Amino acid sequence: MTPSPFGDGRRRRIGLLGGSFNPAHAGHRHVAGQALRALRLDQVWLLVSPGNPLKPRAGMGPLHERLASARRIADGRRVIATDIERALGTRFTADTLVKLGQRFPRADFVFLIGADNLVQLPRWKAWRRIATSTPLVVLPRPGWTRRALRGAAASVLRRQRCRPGALLAGAKRATTSARWCFVPARENAASATAIRAAGLHP
C-alpha cells in the first residue's frame, strides 16, 4: 500500500531508500531485503526521486517510468515504491526527512544508503543535519565500501557508529547525535548505468 502524503499515526520501523531508480533493479531489491532483515524493519520505502539534484537531467527517464520500474521490484507490502517526494514537493533528502517526520510522527525512520553515497554525503544539502536527525544505514557497494568507511563522512560521524542491532534500540530519540551503522552483506553489482548502456530492463 502506497504511503499517503498526508501521513498517519501508526508506529512502524521504516527504511527509506531514495534514488532515481533509472531504472530500478535487483540491486535495489537486494539492499531492501538486507535492511529488512538486519534492522528488523516493518517496511522499506523506495523513494523515487522527481529529480536528483546531483545527477544530470540528460538520460533521466520520466518519473512515471522510473516509478513503474520500482514497483516491479517491490512487493507492495514490505517493500513499497512511492513518489511521495513529488507529493511533498521536495527534491532534497534533508527536506524530505523533515516532512516525513511531521506527517508520520510515530514512525521510526532510518535512511538507507550504499557505500558510494556515504562517500558523496558531504556534497548533500544539510548533510550533517541528515546525519544527526535520522539514523543512517550503510550497505556495501562494489568498489566503494573500504573507501566509504575511511572517508570524510565516516570520520566525522565515527563516534556515532554502532552495530546494526543497536541502531533502533531503546526509545525514539529527539537527539542531535543519531547513530549510524554498516550492514556487512553480500555485495550486488547490479547498476542502473550498466542496464541503460545495455538497453536492458530489470
Protein backbone atom coordinates (compact mmCIF):
# COMPACT_ATOMS: atom_id res chain seq x y z
CA MET A 1 0.00 0.00 0.00
CA THR A 2 1.49 3.34 -1.07
CA PRO A 3 2.08 5.73 1.85
CA SER A 4 -0.23 8.73 1.92
CA PRO A 5 1.45 12.15 1.72
CA PHE A 6 -0.99 13.19 4.45
CA GLY A 7 0.68 10.73 6.82
CA ASP A 8 -0.69 8.59 9.64
CA GLY A 9 -0.08 7.83 13.29
CA ARG A 10 0.94 4.19 13.10
CA ARG A 11 4.06 3.03 14.92
CA ARG A 12 6.41 1.34 12.45
CA ARG A 13 10.10 0.89 11.69
CA ILE A 14 10.62 2.09 8.14
CA GLY A 15 13.71 2.12 5.96
CA LEU A 16 13.90 4.86 3.32
CA LEU A 17 15.84 4.03 0.16
CA GLY A 18 15.97 7.07 -2.07
CA GLY A 19 17.21 7.30 -5.61
CA SER A 20 16.49 7.94 -9.25
CA PHE A 21 15.65 4.27 -9.97
CA ASN A 22 16.59 4.88 -13.59
CA PRO A 23 15.68 2.03 -13.76
CA ALA A 24 15.15 0.08 -10.53
CA HIS A 25 16.96 -3.26 -10.50
CA ALA A 26 17.82 -6.35 -8.46
CA GLY A 27 20.48 -4.44 -6.52
CA HIS A 28 17.83 -2.15 -5.07
CA ARG A 29 15.74 -5.14 -4.04
CA HIS A 30 18.82 -6.77 -2.53
CA VAL A 31 19.55 -3.68 -0.39
CA ALA A 32 15.93 -3.51 0.76
CA GLY A 33 15.93 -7.18 1.75
CA GLN A 34 19.21 -6.93 3.64
CA ALA A 35 17.97 -3.89 5.57
CA LEU A 36 14.64 -5.53 6.41
CA ARG A 37 16.45 -8.48 7.98
CA ALA A 38 19.37 -6.71 9.65
CA LEU A 39 17.30 -3.91 11.23
CA ARG A 40 14.06 -5.88 11.69
CA LEU A 41 12.16 -3.23 9.78
CA ASP A 42 8.45 -3.36 9.09
CA GLN A 43 8.82 -1.82 5.64
CA VAL A 44 11.25 -0.30 3.18
CA TRP A 45 10.00 2.58 1.05
CA LEU A 46 11.65 3.07 -2.34
CA LEU A 47 11.57 6.87 -2.66
CA VAL A 48 11.62 7.50 -6.41
CA SER A 49 13.02 11.00 -6.78
CA PRO A 50 11.29 13.54 -9.03
CA GLY A 51 14.79 14.77 -9.87
CA ASN A 52 18.11 14.06 -8.20
CA PRO A 53 19.92 17.41 -7.71
CA LEU A 54 23.30 15.69 -8.08
CA LYS A 55 22.54 13.92 -11.35
CA PRO A 56 22.21 15.41 -14.85
CA ARG A 57 18.79 15.53 -16.47
CA ALA A 58 20.16 14.07 -19.69
CA GLY A 59 19.28 10.38 -19.83
CA MET A 60 16.89 10.59 -16.88
CA GLY A 61 13.67 8.70 -17.58
CA PRO A 62 10.25 10.21 -16.87
CA LEU A 63 9.10 9.87 -13.27
CA HIS A 64 6.19 7.56 -14.15
CA GLU A 65 8.53 5.13 -15.93
CA ARG A 66 11.01 5.09 -13.07
CA LEU A 67 8.20 4.60 -10.55
CA ALA A 68 6.83 1.72 -12.62
CA SER A 69 10.25 0.04 -12.65
CA ALA A 70 10.47 0.41 -8.86
CA ARG A 71 7.03 -1.13 -8.44
CA ARG A 72 8.18 -4.16 -10.44
CA ILE A 73 10.84 -4.97 -7.84
CA ALA A 74 8.63 -4.13 -4.85
CA ASP A 75 6.04 -6.44 -3.32
CA GLY A 76 3.60 -3.72 -2.25
CA ARG A 77 3.59 -4.96 1.33
CA ARG A 78 7.03 -4.82 2.92
CA VAL A 79 8.87 -3.17 0.04
CA ILE A 80 6.85 -0.27 -1.34
CA ALA A 81 7.64 2.01 -4.28
CA THR A 82 6.42 5.58 -3.91
CA ASP A 83 6.74 9.02 -5.46
CA ILE A 84 5.81 10.68 -2.18
CA GLU A 85 8.56 13.26 -2.70
CA ARG A 86 6.60 14.59 -5.67
CA ALA A 87 3.51 14.97 -3.49
CA LEU A 88 5.53 16.57 -0.69
CA GLY A 89 7.18 18.97 -3.13
CA THR A 90 10.72 18.05 -2.03
CA ARG A 91 13.87 17.28 -4.01
CA PHE A 92 16.48 17.32 -1.25
CA THR A 93 16.73 14.48 1.25
CA ALA A 94 17.03 16.86 4.21
CA ASP A 95 13.68 18.46 3.34
CA THR A 96 12.00 15.11 2.68
CA LEU A 97 13.05 13.75 6.08
CA VAL A 98 11.64 16.80 7.88
CA LYS A 99 8.27 16.50 6.16
CA LEU A 100 8.04 12.74 6.66
CA GLY A 101 8.80 13.20 10.35
CA GLN A 102 5.97 15.71 10.62
CA ARG A 103 3.45 13.55 8.79
CA PHE A 104 4.41 10.21 10.34
CA PRO A 105 5.22 11.24 13.93
CA ARG A 106 5.20 7.73 15.40
CA ALA A 107 7.31 6.08 12.70
CA ASP A 108 10.96 5.28 13.35
CA PHE A 109 12.66 6.11 10.06
CA VAL A 110 16.14 5.02 9.05
CA PHE A 111 17.81 6.21 5.87
CA LEU A 112 19.42 3.55 3.69
CA ILE A 113 22.41 4.41 1.53
CA GLY A 114 25.02 2.49 -0.40
CA ALA A 115 28.69 2.94 0.43
CA ASP A 116 29.06 5.15 -2.66
CA ASN A 117 26.59 7.62 -1.18
CA LEU A 118 28.42 7.67 2.15
CA VAL A 119 31.43 8.92 0.18
CA GLN A 120 29.29 11.57 -1.52
CA LEU A 121 27.32 12.53 1.60
CA PRO A 122 29.32 15.73 2.30
CA ARG A 123 28.06 17.05 -1.07
CA TRP A 124 24.42 16.75 0.00
CA LYS A 125 22.40 19.72 1.22
CA ALA A 126 22.44 19.91 5.05
CA TRP A 127 24.21 16.54 5.28
CA ARG A 128 25.16 17.00 8.91
CA ARG A 129 21.52 17.68 9.78
CA ILE A 130 20.54 14.48 7.97
CA ALA A 131 23.16 12.52 9.89
CA THR A 132 22.19 13.95 13.27
CA SER A 133 18.42 13.66 12.86
CA THR A 134 17.89 10.29 11.16
CA PRO A 135 19.76 7.01 11.75
CA LEU A 136 21.81 6.06 8.69
CA VAL A 137 22.23 2.51 7.43
CA VAL A 138 25.16 1.97 5.05
CA LEU A 139 25.29 -1.09 2.82
CA PRO A 140 28.24 -2.40 0.78
CA ARG A 141 28.72 -1.35 -2.82
CA PRO A 142 31.35 -2.93 -5.09
CA GLY A 143 34.45 -0.78 -5.26
CA TRP A 144 33.23 1.72 -2.67
CA THR A 145 32.97 0.07 0.74
CA ARG A 146 36.55 0.43 2.02
CA ARG A 147 36.81 3.97 0.69
CA ALA A 148 33.50 4.92 2.33
CA LEU A 149 34.40 3.60 5.76
CA ARG A 150 37.66 5.57 5.66
CA GLY A 151 36.12 8.68 4.13
CA ALA A 152 35.26 12.15 5.40
CA ALA A 153 31.67 11.45 6.47
CA ALA A 154 32.60 8.27 8.34
CA SER A 155 35.39 10.16 10.09
CA VAL A 156 33.10 12.99 11.20
CA LEU A 157 30.48 10.52 12.42
CA ARG A 158 32.85 7.90 13.87
CA ARG A 159 31.61 8.28 17.46
CA GLN A 160 28.01 7.65 16.41
CA ARG A 161 28.72 4.34 14.68
CA CYS A 162 27.08 1.27 16.25
CA ARG A 163 26.14 -2.31 15.44
CA PRO A 164 23.03 -2.81 13.26
CA GLY A 165 21.14 -4.46 16.12
CA ALA A 166 21.68 -1.42 18.34
CA LEU A 167 20.65 1.23 15.84
CA LEU A 168 16.99 1.35 16.85
CA ALA A 169 17.38 0.02 20.37
CA GLY A 170 15.56 1.94 23.08
CA ALA A 171 13.01 4.71 22.81
CA LYS A 172 12.75 7.03 19.86
CA ARG A 173 15.20 9.86 20.46
CA ALA A 174 14.87 13.55 19.66
CA THR A 175 18.62 13.94 19.68
CA THR A 176 21.46 15.74 17.97
CA SER A 177 23.53 12.57 17.69
CA ALA A 178 21.57 9.99 15.69
CA ARG A 179 23.55 6.79 15.24
CA TRP A 180 24.61 5.01 12.07
CA CYS A 181 25.69 1.51 11.19
CA PHE A 182 27.29 -0.51 8.46
CA VAL A 183 25.49 -3.71 7.46
CA PRO A 184 28.00 -6.38 6.38
CA ALA A 185 26.22 -8.05 3.50
CA ARG A 186 26.91 -9.72 0.19
CA GLU A 187 27.58 -7.12 -2.48
CA ASN A 188 25.33 -6.86 -5.51
CA ALA A 189 26.96 -5.46 -8.63
CA ALA A 190 23.73 -4.50 -10.44
CA SER A 191 23.93 -0.99 -11.87
CA ALA A 192 21.29 1.23 -13.47
CA THR A 193 24.03 2.79 -15.61
CA ALA A 194 25.03 -0.62 -16.98
CA ILE A 195 21.40 -1.58 -17.57
CA ARG A 196 20.78 1.60 -19.59
CA ALA A 197 24.01 1.14 -21.54
CA ALA A 198 22.99 -2.38 -22.49
CA GLY A 199 19.44 -1.35 -23.38
CA LEU A 200 18.09 -3.89 -20.89
CA HIS A 201 15.25 -3.84 -18.38
CA PRO A 202 15.44 -5.15 -14.79
